[in-house]
PDB file of N, CA and C in Angstrom:
ATOM      1  N   MET A   1      -3.084 -26.099 -66.598  1.00  0.00           N
ATOM      2  CA  MET A   1      -1.677 -25.945 -66.259  1.00  0.00           C
ATOM      3  C   MET A   1      -1.487 -24.628 -65.509  1.00  0.00           C
ATOM      4  N   ILE A   2      -0.818 -24.719 -64.388  1.00  0.00           N
ATOM      5  CA  ILE A   2      -0.500 -23.547 -63.572  1.00  0.00           C
ATOM      6  C   ILE A   2       0.972 -23.210 -63.770  1.00  0.00           C
ATOM      7  N   LYS A   3       1.279 -21.913 -63.833  1.00  0.00           N
ATOM      8  CA  LYS A   3       2.663 -21.452 -63.945  1.00  0.00           C
ATOM      9  C   LYS A   3       3.171 -21.117 -62.540  1.00  0.00           C
ATOM     10  N   PHE A   4       4.215 -21.826 -62.110  1.00  0.00           N
ATOM     11  CA  PHE A   4       4.783 -21.658 -60.779  1.00  0.00           C
ATOM     12  C   PHE A   4       6.172 -21.043 -60.845  1.00  0.00           C
ATOM     13  N   LEU A   5       6.439 -20.106 -59.942  1.00  0.00           N
ATOM     14  CA  LEU A   5       7.788 -19.635 -59.686  1.00  0.00           C
ATOM     15  C   LEU A   5       8.172 -20.196 -58.331  1.00  0.00           C
ATOM     16  N   CYS A   6       9.218 -21.016 -58.292  1.00  0.00           N
ATOM     17  CA  CYS A   6       9.674 -21.693 -57.079  1.00  0.00           C
ATOM     18  C   CYS A   6      10.925 -20.970 -56.589  1.00  0.00           C
ATOM     19  N   VAL A   7      10.878 -20.436 -55.362  1.00  0.00           N
ATOM     20  CA  VAL A   7      11.948 -19.574 -54.862  1.00  0.00           C
ATOM     21  C   VAL A   7      12.557 -20.147 -53.594  1.00  0.00           C
ATOM     22  N   CYS A   8      13.876 -20.330 -53.625  1.00  0.00           N
ATOM     23  CA  CYS A   8      14.624 -20.651 -52.410  1.00  0.00           C
ATOM     24  C   CYS A   8      15.848 -19.733 -52.386  1.00  0.00           C
ATOM     25  N   GLU A   9      16.739 -19.957 -51.479  1.00  0.00           N
ATOM     26  CA  GLU A   9      17.883 -19.051 -51.340  1.00  0.00           C
ATOM     27  C   GLU A   9      18.828 -19.109 -52.540  1.00  0.00           C
ATOM     28  N   GLY A  10      19.269 -20.298 -52.902  1.00  0.00           N
ATOM     29  CA  GLY A  10      20.260 -20.408 -53.965  1.00  0.00           C
ATOM     30  C   GLY A  10      19.704 -20.729 -55.336  1.00  0.00           C
ATOM     31  N   GLY A  11      18.516 -21.293 -55.380  1.00  0.00           N
ATOM     32  CA  GLY A  11      17.914 -21.655 -56.668  1.00  0.00           C
ATOM     33  C   GLY A  11      18.495 -22.923 -57.261  1.00  0.00           C
ATOM     34  N   ASN A  12      19.123 -23.745 -56.424  1.00  0.00           N
ATOM     35  CA  ASN A  12      19.777 -24.949 -56.936  1.00  0.00           C
ATOM     36  C   ASN A  12      19.282 -26.255 -56.334  1.00  0.00           C
ATOM     37  N   CYS A  13      18.561 -26.200 -55.240  1.00  0.00           N
ATOM     38  CA  CYS A  13      18.192 -27.437 -54.554  1.00  0.00           C
ATOM     39  C   CYS A  13      16.692 -27.501 -54.302  1.00  0.00           C
ATOM     40  N   ARG A  14      16.203 -26.798 -53.289  1.00  0.00           N
ATOM     41  CA  ARG A  14      14.796 -26.904 -52.907  1.00  0.00           C
ATOM     42  C   ARG A  14      13.865 -26.440 -54.007  1.00  0.00           C
ATOM     43  N   SER A  15      14.154 -25.289 -54.617  1.00  0.00           N
ATOM     44  CA  SER A  15      13.277 -24.782 -55.681  1.00  0.00           C
ATOM     45  C   SER A  15      13.331 -25.681 -56.908  1.00  0.00           C
ATOM     46  N   VAL A  16      14.481 -26.249 -57.202  1.00  0.00           N
ATOM     47  CA  VAL A  16      14.618 -27.168 -58.341  1.00  0.00           C
ATOM     48  C   VAL A  16      13.823 -28.447 -58.085  1.00  0.00           C
ATOM     49  N   ALA A  17      13.905 -28.969 -56.867  1.00  0.00           N
ATOM     50  CA  ALA A  17      13.152 -30.185 -56.524  1.00  0.00           C
ATOM     51  C   ALA A  17      11.652 -29.955 -56.671  1.00  0.00           C
ATOM     52  N   LEU A  18      11.163 -28.812 -56.187  1.00  0.00           N
ATOM     53  CA  LEU A  18       9.741 -28.505 -56.324  1.00  0.00           C
ATOM     54  C   LEU A  18       9.363 -28.336 -57.788  1.00  0.00           C
ATOM     55  N   ALA A  19      10.160 -27.596 -58.544  1.00  0.00           N
ATOM     56  CA  ALA A  19       9.859 -27.379 -59.959  1.00  0.00           C
ATOM     57  C   ALA A  19       9.792 -28.703 -60.721  1.00  0.00           C
ATOM     58  N   GLN A  20      10.695 -29.613 -60.429  1.00  0.00           N
ATOM     59  CA  GLN A  20      10.678 -30.920 -61.092  1.00  0.00           C
ATOM     60  C   GLN A  20       9.386 -31.674 -60.798  1.00  0.00           C
ATOM     61  N   GLN A  21       8.964 -31.674 -59.540  1.00  0.00           N
ATOM     62  CA  GLN A  21       7.737 -32.389 -59.183  1.00  0.00           C
ATOM     63  C   GLN A  21       6.509 -31.736 -59.810  1.00  0.00           C
ATOM     64  N   LEU A  22       6.488 -30.417 -59.891  1.00  0.00           N
ATOM     65  CA  LEU A  22       5.361 -29.731 -60.531  1.00  0.00           C
ATOM     66  C   LEU A  22       5.310 -30.037 -62.031  1.00  0.00           C
ATOM     67  N   LYS A  23       6.477 -30.054 -62.680  1.00  0.00           N
ATOM     68  CA  LYS A  23       6.526 -30.377 -64.110  1.00  0.00           C
ATOM     69  C   LYS A  23       6.051 -31.801 -64.362  1.00  0.00           C
ATOM     70  N   GLU A  24       6.393 -32.715 -63.472  1.00  0.00           N
ATOM     71  CA  GLU A  24       5.935 -34.100 -63.610  1.00  0.00           C
ATOM     72  C   GLU A  24       4.409 -34.191 -63.543  1.00  0.00           C
ATOM     73  N   ARG A  25       3.778 -33.203 -62.928  1.00  0.00           N
ATOM     74  CA  ARG A  25       2.318 -33.170 -62.797  1.00  0.00           C
ATOM     75  C   ARG A  25       1.673 -32.301 -63.872  1.00  0.00           C
ATOM     76  N   GLY A  26       2.459 -31.880 -64.873  1.00  0.00           N
ATOM     77  CA  GLY A  26       1.913 -31.155 -66.011  1.00  0.00           C
ATOM     78  C   GLY A  26       1.877 -29.646 -65.885  1.00  0.00           C
ATOM     79  N   HIS A  27       2.506 -29.102 -64.866  1.00  0.00           N
ATOM     80  CA  HIS A  27       2.530 -27.654 -64.683  1.00  0.00           C
ATOM     81  C   HIS A  27       3.814 -27.074 -65.264  1.00  0.00           C
ATOM     82  N   ASP A  28       3.823 -25.775 -65.455  1.00  0.00           N
ATOM     83  CA  ASP A  28       5.022 -25.062 -65.878  1.00  0.00           C
ATOM     84  C   ASP A  28       5.663 -24.503 -64.618  1.00  0.00           C
ATOM     85  N   ALA A  29       6.955 -24.695 -64.437  1.00  0.00           N
ATOM     86  CA  ALA A  29       7.614 -24.258 -63.207  1.00  0.00           C
ATOM     87  C   ALA A  29       9.043 -23.813 -63.493  1.00  0.00           C
ATOM     88  N   VAL A  30       9.424 -22.723 -62.835  1.00  0.00           N
ATOM     89  CA  VAL A  30      10.774 -22.172 -62.949  1.00  0.00           C
ATOM     90  C   VAL A  30      11.344 -22.052 -61.542  1.00  0.00           C
ATOM     91  N   ALA A  31      12.580 -22.484 -61.359  1.00  0.00           N
ATOM     92  CA  ALA A  31      13.277 -22.384 -60.077  1.00  0.00           C
ATOM     93  C   ALA A  31      14.196 -21.168 -60.100  1.00  0.00           C
ATOM     94  N   VAL A  32      14.249 -20.465 -58.977  1.00  0.00           N
ATOM     95  CA  VAL A  32      15.093 -19.277 -58.884  1.00  0.00           C
ATOM     96  C   VAL A  32      15.554 -19.119 -57.436  1.00  0.00           C
ATOM     97  N   GLY A  33      16.707 -18.476 -57.264  1.00  0.00           N
ATOM     98  CA  GLY A  33      17.225 -18.199 -55.931  1.00  0.00           C
ATOM     99  C   GLY A  33      17.259 -16.706 -55.662  1.00  0.00           C
ATOM    100  N   TRP A  34      16.789 -16.304 -54.490  1.00  0.00           N
ATOM    101  CA  TRP A  34      16.760 -14.878 -54.187  1.00  0.00           C
ATOM    102  C   TRP A  34      18.153 -14.311 -53.896  1.00  0.00           C
ATOM    103  N   ARG A  35      19.097 -15.155 -53.500  1.00  0.00           N
ATOM    104  CA  ARG A  35      20.433 -14.646 -53.190  1.00  0.00           C
ATOM    105  C   ARG A  35      21.240 -14.307 -54.449  1.00  0.00           C
ATOM    106  N   TYR A  36      21.072 -15.070 -55.509  1.00  0.00           N
ATOM    107  CA  TYR A  36      21.949 -14.931 -56.675  1.00  0.00           C
ATOM    108  C   TYR A  36      21.272 -14.346 -57.903  1.00  0.00           C
ATOM    109  N   ASN A  37      19.983 -14.061 -57.825  1.00  0.00           N
ATOM    110  CA  ASN A  37      19.295 -13.409 -58.927  1.00  0.00           C
ATOM    111  C   ASN A  37      18.903 -12.001 -58.496  1.00  0.00           C
ATOM    112  N   SER A  38      18.929 -11.090 -59.433  1.00  0.00           N
ATOM    113  CA  SER A  38      18.589  -9.708 -59.096  1.00  0.00           C
ATOM    114  C   SER A  38      17.104  -9.587 -58.784  1.00  0.00           C
ATOM    115  N   PRO A  39      16.740  -8.608 -57.974  1.00  0.00           N
ATOM    116  CA  PRO A  39      15.322  -8.383 -57.696  1.00  0.00           C
ATOM    117  C   PRO A  39      14.518  -8.171 -58.982  1.00  0.00           C
ATOM    118  N   GLU A  40      15.118  -7.525 -59.976  1.00  0.00           N
ATOM    119  CA  GLU A  40      14.419  -7.279 -61.241  1.00  0.00           C
ATOM    120  C   GLU A  40      14.048  -8.577 -61.948  1.00  0.00           C
ATOM    121  N   VAL A  41      14.925  -9.549 -61.922  1.00  0.00           N
ATOM    122  CA  VAL A  41      14.641 -10.844 -62.550  1.00  0.00           C
ATOM    123  C   VAL A  41      13.517 -11.553 -61.802  1.00  0.00           C
ATOM    124  N   ILE A  42      13.561 -11.537 -60.488  1.00  0.00           N
ATOM    125  CA  ILE A  42      12.518 -12.206 -59.704  1.00  0.00           C
ATOM    126  C   ILE A  42      11.176 -11.511 -59.892  1.00  0.00           C
ATOM    127  N   VAL A  43      11.171 -10.182 -59.946  1.00  0.00           N
ATOM    128  CA  VAL A  43       9.924  -9.450 -60.208  1.00  0.00           C
ATOM    129  C   VAL A  43       9.361  -9.851 -61.564  1.00  0.00           C
ATOM    130  N   MET A  44      10.203  -9.905 -62.590  1.00  0.00           N
ATOM    131  CA  MET A  44       9.746 -10.284 -63.928  1.00  0.00           C
ATOM    132  C   MET A  44       9.142 -11.688 -63.917  1.00  0.00           C
ATOM    133  N   LEU A  45       9.810 -12.639 -63.273  1.00  0.00           N
ATOM    134  CA  LEU A  45       9.297 -14.008 -63.216  1.00  0.00           C
ATOM    135  C   LEU A  45       8.023 -14.096 -62.380  1.00  0.00           C
ATOM    136  N   ALA A  46       7.932 -13.296 -61.324  1.00  0.00           N
ATOM    137  CA  ALA A  46       6.720 -13.282 -60.500  1.00  0.00           C
ATOM    138  C   ALA A  46       5.530 -12.737 -61.289  1.00  0.00           C
ATOM    139  N   LEU A  47       5.776 -11.808 -62.176  1.00  0.00           N
ATOM    140  CA  LEU A  47       4.707 -11.294 -63.039  1.00  0.00           C
ATOM    141  C   LEU A  47       4.205 -12.385 -63.977  1.00  0.00           C
ATOM    142  N   TRP A  48       5.108 -13.218 -64.472  1.00  0.00           N
ATOM    143  CA  TRP A  48       4.753 -14.327 -65.370  1.00  0.00           C
ATOM    144  C   TRP A  48       3.963 -15.409 -64.635  1.00  0.00           C
ATOM    145  N   ALA A  49       4.316 -15.675 -63.401  1.00  0.00           N
ATOM    146  CA  ALA A  49       3.768 -16.811 -62.658  1.00  0.00           C
ATOM    147  C   ALA A  49       2.333 -16.584 -62.195  1.00  0.00           C
ATOM    148  N   ASP A  50       1.594 -17.690 -62.114  1.00  0.00           N
ATOM    149  CA  ASP A  50       0.277 -17.677 -61.476  1.00  0.00           C
ATOM    150  C   ASP A  50       0.426 -17.802 -59.960  1.00  0.00           C
ATOM    151  N   THR A  51       1.430 -18.560 -59.536  1.00  0.00           N
ATOM    152  CA  THR A  51       1.690 -18.811 -58.116  1.00  0.00           C
ATOM    153  C   THR A  51       3.191 -18.709 -57.866  1.00  0.00           C
ATOM    154  N   VAL A  52       3.561 -18.003 -56.799  1.00  0.00           N
ATOM    155  CA  VAL A  52       4.961 -17.867 -56.388  1.00  0.00           C
ATOM    156  C   VAL A  52       5.109 -18.627 -55.079  1.00  0.00           C
ATOM    157  N   VAL A  53       5.998 -19.612 -55.062  1.00  0.00           N
ATOM    158  CA  VAL A  53       6.161 -20.460 -53.887  1.00  0.00           C
ATOM    159  C   VAL A  53       7.539 -20.244 -53.275  1.00  0.00           C
ATOM    160  N   PHE A  54       7.552 -19.786 -52.021  1.00  0.00           N
ATOM    161  CA  PHE A  54       8.791 -19.698 -51.255  1.00  0.00           C
ATOM    162  C   PHE A  54       8.933 -20.993 -50.466  1.00  0.00           C
ATOM    163  N   LEU A  55      10.120 -21.579 -50.501  1.00  0.00           N
ATOM    164  CA  LEU A  55      10.330 -22.875 -49.858  1.00  0.00           C
ATOM    165  C   LEU A  55      10.851 -22.786 -48.438  1.00  0.00           C
ATOM    166  N   GLN A  56      10.822 -21.619 -47.877  1.00  0.00           N
ATOM    167  CA  GLN A  56      11.172 -21.459 -46.475  1.00  0.00           C
ATOM    168  C   GLN A  56      10.410 -20.260 -45.953  1.00  0.00           C
ATOM    169  N   ASP A  57       9.841 -20.396 -44.776  1.00  0.00           N
ATOM    170  CA  ASP A  57       9.106 -19.293 -44.173  1.00  0.00           C
ATOM    171  C   ASP A  57      10.095 -18.387 -43.458  1.00  0.00           C
ATOM    172  N   PHE A  58      10.011 -17.111 -43.728  1.00  0.00           N
ATOM    173  CA  PHE A  58      10.834 -16.138 -43.040  1.00  0.00           C
ATOM    174  C   PHE A  58      10.062 -14.822 -43.010  1.00  0.00           C
ATOM    175  N   PRO A  59      10.426 -13.921 -42.096  1.00  0.00           N
ATOM    176  CA  PRO A  59       9.688 -12.662 -42.008  1.00  0.00           C
ATOM    177  C   PRO A  59       9.687 -11.928 -43.347  1.00  0.00           C
ATOM    178  N   ASN A  60       8.526 -11.445 -43.721  1.00  0.00           N
ATOM    179  CA  ASN A  60       8.339 -10.704 -44.970  1.00  0.00           C
ATOM    180  C   ASN A  60       8.894 -11.446 -46.173  1.00  0.00           C
ATOM    181  N   PRO A  61       8.290 -12.571 -46.537  1.00  0.00           N
ATOM    182  CA  PRO A  61       8.803 -13.333 -47.684  1.00  0.00           C
ATOM    183  C   PRO A  61       8.701 -12.577 -48.999  1.00  0.00           C
ATOM    184  N   TYR A  62       7.906 -11.518 -49.020  1.00  0.00           N
ATOM    185  CA  TYR A  62       7.779 -10.755 -50.261  1.00  0.00           C
ATOM    186  C   TYR A  62       9.026  -9.939 -50.528  1.00  0.00           C
ATOM    187  N   GLY A  63       9.595  -9.407 -49.446  1.00  0.00           N
ATOM    188  CA  GLY A  63      10.803  -8.610 -49.581  1.00  0.00           C
ATOM    189  C   GLY A  63      10.670  -7.599 -50.696  1.00  0.00           C
ATOM    190  N   ILE A  64      11.702  -7.453 -51.451  1.00  0.00           N
ATOM    191  CA  ILE A  64      11.713  -6.532 -52.588  1.00  0.00           C
ATOM    192  C   ILE A  64      11.352  -7.253 -53.880  1.00  0.00           C
ATOM    193  N   TRP A  65      10.975  -8.525 -53.764  1.00  0.00           N
ATOM    194  CA  TRP A  65      10.799  -9.344 -54.960  1.00  0.00           C
ATOM    195  C   TRP A  65       9.393  -9.360 -55.528  1.00  0.00           C
ATOM    196  N   ILE A  66       8.400  -9.214 -54.656  1.00  0.00           N
ATOM    197  CA  ILE A  66       7.027  -9.380 -55.114  1.00  0.00           C
ATOM    198  C   ILE A  66       6.295  -8.044 -54.996  1.00  0.00           C
ATOM    199  N   LEU A  67       5.816  -7.538 -56.120  1.00  0.00           N
ATOM    200  CA  LEU A  67       5.087  -6.283 -56.123  1.00  0.00           C
ATOM    201  C   LEU A  67       3.788  -6.428 -55.343  1.00  0.00           C
ATOM    202  N   GLU A  68       3.376  -5.353 -54.728  1.00  0.00           N
ATOM    203  CA  GLU A  68       2.174  -5.342 -53.889  1.00  0.00           C
ATOM    204  C   GLU A  68       0.973  -5.970 -54.598  1.00  0.00           C
ATOM    205  N   GLU A  69       0.769  -5.624 -55.850  1.00  0.00           N
ATOM    206  CA  GLU A  69      -0.412  -6.124 -56.568  1.00  0.00           C
ATOM    207  C   GLU A  69      -0.339  -7.611 -56.916  1.00  0.00           C
ATOM    208  N   HIS A  70       0.778  -8.263 -56.653  1.00  0.00           N
ATOM    209  CA  HIS A  70       0.929  -9.689 -56.949  1.00  0.00           C
ATOM    210  C   HIS A  70       1.121 -10.535 -55.689  1.00  0.00           C
ATOM    211  N   ARG A  71       1.006  -9.947 -54.522  1.00  0.00           N
ATOM    212  CA  ARG A  71       1.261 -10.683 -53.280  1.00  0.00           C
ATOM    213  C   ARG A  71       0.237 -11.770 -52.998  1.00  0.00           C
ATOM    214  N   GLN A  72      -0.925 -11.687 -53.609  1.00  0.00           N
ATOM    215  CA  GLN A  72      -1.926 -12.745 -53.423  1.00  0.00           C
ATOM    216  C   GLN A  72      -1.483 -14.047 -54.088  1.00  0.00           C
ATOM    217  N   LYS A  73      -0.489 -13.989 -54.943  1.00  0.00           N
ATOM    218  CA  LYS A  73       0.042 -15.180 -55.612  1.00  0.00           C
ATOM    219  C   LYS A  73       0.961 -16.005 -54.714  1.00  0.00           C
ATOM    220  N   VAL A  74       1.447 -15.420 -53.633  1.00  0.00           N
ATOM    221  CA  VAL A  74       2.501 -16.038 -52.828  1.00  0.00           C
ATOM    222  C   VAL A  74       1.953 -17.137 -51.927  1.00  0.00           C
ATOM    223  N   ARG A  75       2.666 -18.266 -51.942  1.00  0.00           N
ATOM    224  CA  ARG A  75       2.409 -19.388 -51.039  1.00  0.00           C
ATOM    225  C   ARG A  75       3.738 -19.755 -50.380  1.00  0.00           C
ATOM    226  N   ILE A  76       3.649 -20.276 -49.166  1.00  0.00           N
ATOM    227  CA  ILE A  76       4.838 -20.753 -48.461  1.00  0.00           C
ATOM    228  C   ILE A  76       4.730 -22.270 -48.363  1.00  0.00           C
ATOM    229  N   LEU A  77       5.734 -22.955 -48.867  1.00  0.00           N
ATOM    230  CA  LEU A  77       5.836 -24.409 -48.726  1.00  0.00           C
ATOM    231  C   LEU A  77       7.115 -24.633 -47.924  1.00  0.00           C
ATOM    232  N   ASP A  78       6.993 -24.530 -46.612  1.00  0.00           N
ATOM    233  CA  ASP A  78       8.167 -24.490 -45.745  1.00  0.00           C
ATOM    234  C   ASP A  78       8.783 -25.882 -45.571  1.00  0.00           C
ATOM    235  N   VAL A  79       9.936 -26.063 -46.202  1.00  0.00           N
ATOM    236  CA  VAL A  79      10.689 -27.299 -46.015  1.00  0.00           C
ATOM    237  C   VAL A  79      11.923 -27.042 -45.151  1.00  0.00           C
ATOM    238  N   GLY A  80      12.056 -25.802 -44.667  1.00  0.00           N
ATOM    239  CA  GLY A  80      13.184 -25.439 -43.822  1.00  0.00           C
ATOM    240  C   GLY A  80      14.409 -25.076 -44.638  1.00  0.00           C
ATOM    241  N   PRO A  81      15.492 -24.741 -43.948  1.00  0.00           N
ATOM    242  CA  PRO A  81      16.728 -24.381 -44.645  1.00  0.00           C
ATOM    243  C   PRO A  81      17.311 -25.586 -45.388  1.00  0.00           C
ATOM    244  N   ASP A  82      18.111 -25.284 -46.392  1.00  0.00           N
ATOM    245  CA  ASP A  82      18.704 -26.349 -47.208  1.00  0.00           C
ATOM    246  C   ASP A  82      19.710 -27.140 -46.394  1.00  0.00           C
ATOM    247  N   ARG A  83      19.433 -28.420 -46.244  1.00  0.00           N
ATOM    248  CA  ARG A  83      20.376 -29.332 -45.596  1.00  0.00           C
ATOM    249  C   ARG A  83      20.657 -30.535 -46.491  1.00  0.00           C
ATOM    250  N   TRP A  84      20.123 -30.476 -47.722  1.00  0.00           N
ATOM    251  CA  TRP A  84      20.242 -31.610 -48.649  1.00  0.00           C
ATOM    252  C   TRP A  84      21.287 -31.359 -49.728  1.00  0.00           C
ATOM    253  N   TYR A  85      21.391 -30.144 -50.200  1.00  0.00           N
ATOM    254  CA  TYR A  85      22.404 -29.702 -51.163  1.00  0.00           C
ATOM    255  C   TYR A  85      22.254 -30.243 -52.575  1.00  0.00           C
ATOM    256  N   VAL A  86      21.354 -31.176 -52.802  1.00  0.00           N
ATOM    257  CA  VAL A  86      21.073 -31.647 -54.166  1.00  0.00           C
ATOM    258  C   VAL A  86      19.563 -31.809 -54.322  1.00  0.00           C
ATOM    259  N   ALA A  87      19.050 -31.408 -55.470  1.00  0.00           N
ATOM    260  CA  ALA A  87      17.603 -31.452 -55.710  1.00  0.00           C
ATOM    261  C   ALA A  87      17.056 -32.870 -55.751  1.00  0.00           C
ATOM    262  N   GLN A  88      17.894 -33.848 -56.028  1.00  0.00           N
ATOM    263  CA  GLN A  88      17.441 -35.232 -56.149  1.00  0.00           C
ATOM    264  C   GLN A  88      17.435 -35.989 -54.820  1.00  0.00           C
ATOM    265  N   HIS A  89      17.730 -35.311 -53.733  1.00  0.00           N
ATOM    266  CA  HIS A  89      17.802 -35.993 -52.438  1.00  0.00           C
ATOM    267  C   HIS A  89      16.445 -36.611 -52.089  1.00  0.00           C
ATOM    268  N   PRO A  90      16.408 -37.907 -51.769  1.00  0.00           N
ATOM    269  CA  PRO A  90      15.134 -38.589 -51.495  1.00  0.00           C
ATOM    270  C   PRO A  90      14.335 -37.966 -50.351  1.00  0.00           C
ATOM    271  N   GLU A  91      15.001 -37.572 -49.269  1.00  0.00           N
ATOM    272  CA  GLU A  91      14.273 -36.988 -48.139  1.00  0.00           C
ATOM    273  C   GLU A  91      13.596 -35.675 -48.542  1.00  0.00           C
ATOM    274  N   LEU A  92      14.319 -34.820 -49.236  1.00  0.00           N
ATOM    275  CA  LEU A  92      13.756 -33.557 -49.703  1.00  0.00           C
ATOM    276  C   LEU A  92      12.547 -33.797 -50.592  1.00  0.00           C
ATOM    277  N   ASN A  93      12.675 -34.701 -51.531  1.00  0.00           N
ATOM    278  CA  ASN A  93      11.570 -34.984 -52.449  1.00  0.00           C
ATOM    279  C   ASN A  93      10.374 -35.594 -51.739  1.00  0.00           C
ATOM    280  N   ASP A  94      10.610 -36.420 -50.732  1.00  0.00           N
ATOM    281  CA  ASP A  94       9.505 -36.969 -49.939  1.00  0.00           C
ATOM    282  C   ASP A  94       8.771 -35.858 -49.187  1.00  0.00           C
ATOM    283  N   ILE A  95       9.515 -34.924 -48.619  1.00  0.00           N
ATOM    284  CA  ILE A  95       8.901 -33.806 -47.894  1.00  0.00           C
ATOM    285  C   ILE A  95       8.059 -32.956 -48.842  1.00  0.00           C
ATOM    286  N   ILE A  96       8.617 -32.625 -49.993  1.00  0.00           N
ATOM    287  CA  ILE A  96       7.879 -31.804 -50.961  1.00  0.00           C
ATOM    288  C   ILE A  96       6.643 -32.545 -51.445  1.00  0.00           C
ATOM    289  N   ARG A  97       6.780 -33.808 -51.760  1.00  0.00           N
ATOM    290  CA  ARG A  97       5.642 -34.615 -52.238  1.00  0.00           C
ATOM    291  C   ARG A  97       4.506 -34.610 -51.208  1.00  0.00           C
ATOM    292  N   ALA A  98       4.858 -34.721 -49.937  1.00  0.00           N
ATOM    293  CA  ALA A  98       3.859 -34.760 -48.870  1.00  0.00           C
ATOM    294  C   ALA A  98       3.161 -33.413 -48.687  1.00  0.00           C
ATOM    295  N   LYS A  99       3.819 -32.320 -49.066  1.00  0.00           N
ATOM    296  CA  LYS A  99       3.274 -30.985 -48.863  1.00  0.00           C
ATOM    297  C   LYS A  99       2.656 -30.375 -50.116  1.00  0.00           C
ATOM    298  N   LEU A 100       2.750 -31.027 -51.250  1.00  0.00           N
ATOM    299  CA  LEU A 100       2.277 -30.450 -52.507  1.00  0.00           C
ATOM    300  C   LEU A 100       0.825 -29.986 -52.468  1.00  0.00           C
ATOM    301  N   SER A 101      -0.005 -30.689 -51.745  1.00  0.00           N
ATOM    302  CA  SER A 101      -1.424 -30.306 -51.687  1.00  0.00           C
ATOM    303  C   SER A 101      -1.613 -28.900 -51.121  1.00  0.00           C
ATOM    304  N   GLU A 102      -0.623 -28.386 -50.393  1.00  0.00           N
ATOM    305  CA  GLU A 102      -0.715 -27.035 -49.826  1.00  0.00           C
ATOM    306  C   GLU A 102      -0.689 -25.948 -50.895  1.00  0.00           C
ATOM    307  N   ILE A 103      -0.152 -26.256 -52.069  1.00  0.00           N
ATOM    308  CA  ILE A 103      -0.048 -25.234 -53.112  1.00  0.00           C
ATOM    309  C   ILE A 103      -0.824 -25.561 -54.370  1.00  0.00           C
ATOM    310  N   LEU A 104      -1.318 -26.785 -54.481  1.00  0.00           N
ATOM    311  CA  LEU A 104      -2.072 -27.153 -55.699  1.00  0.00           C
ATOM    312  C   LEU A 104      -3.561 -26.960 -55.499  1.00  0.00           C
TER     313      LEU A 104
END
């Protein structure tokens, strides 16, 4: 079992969809949003996680959230900006399902 921290902007759609699919595969996963959670909370969760997955590629995805000594944990599973608004959206889940091998 791998412990995943799934990070998107709001922590309500893309990261939740990924966390659900990872849990279905027997992994431990927590969804979080960088906009609405404090950097301290994200740092704490990143310390807990084996792998930190950002769901959108952007310059310096580590930002203030990932300590230097934990940056090797970071993976990008770029599904683009949120255009689905719900974690259960079939298109979003199909995209994540197709890309899961990139982080497992």
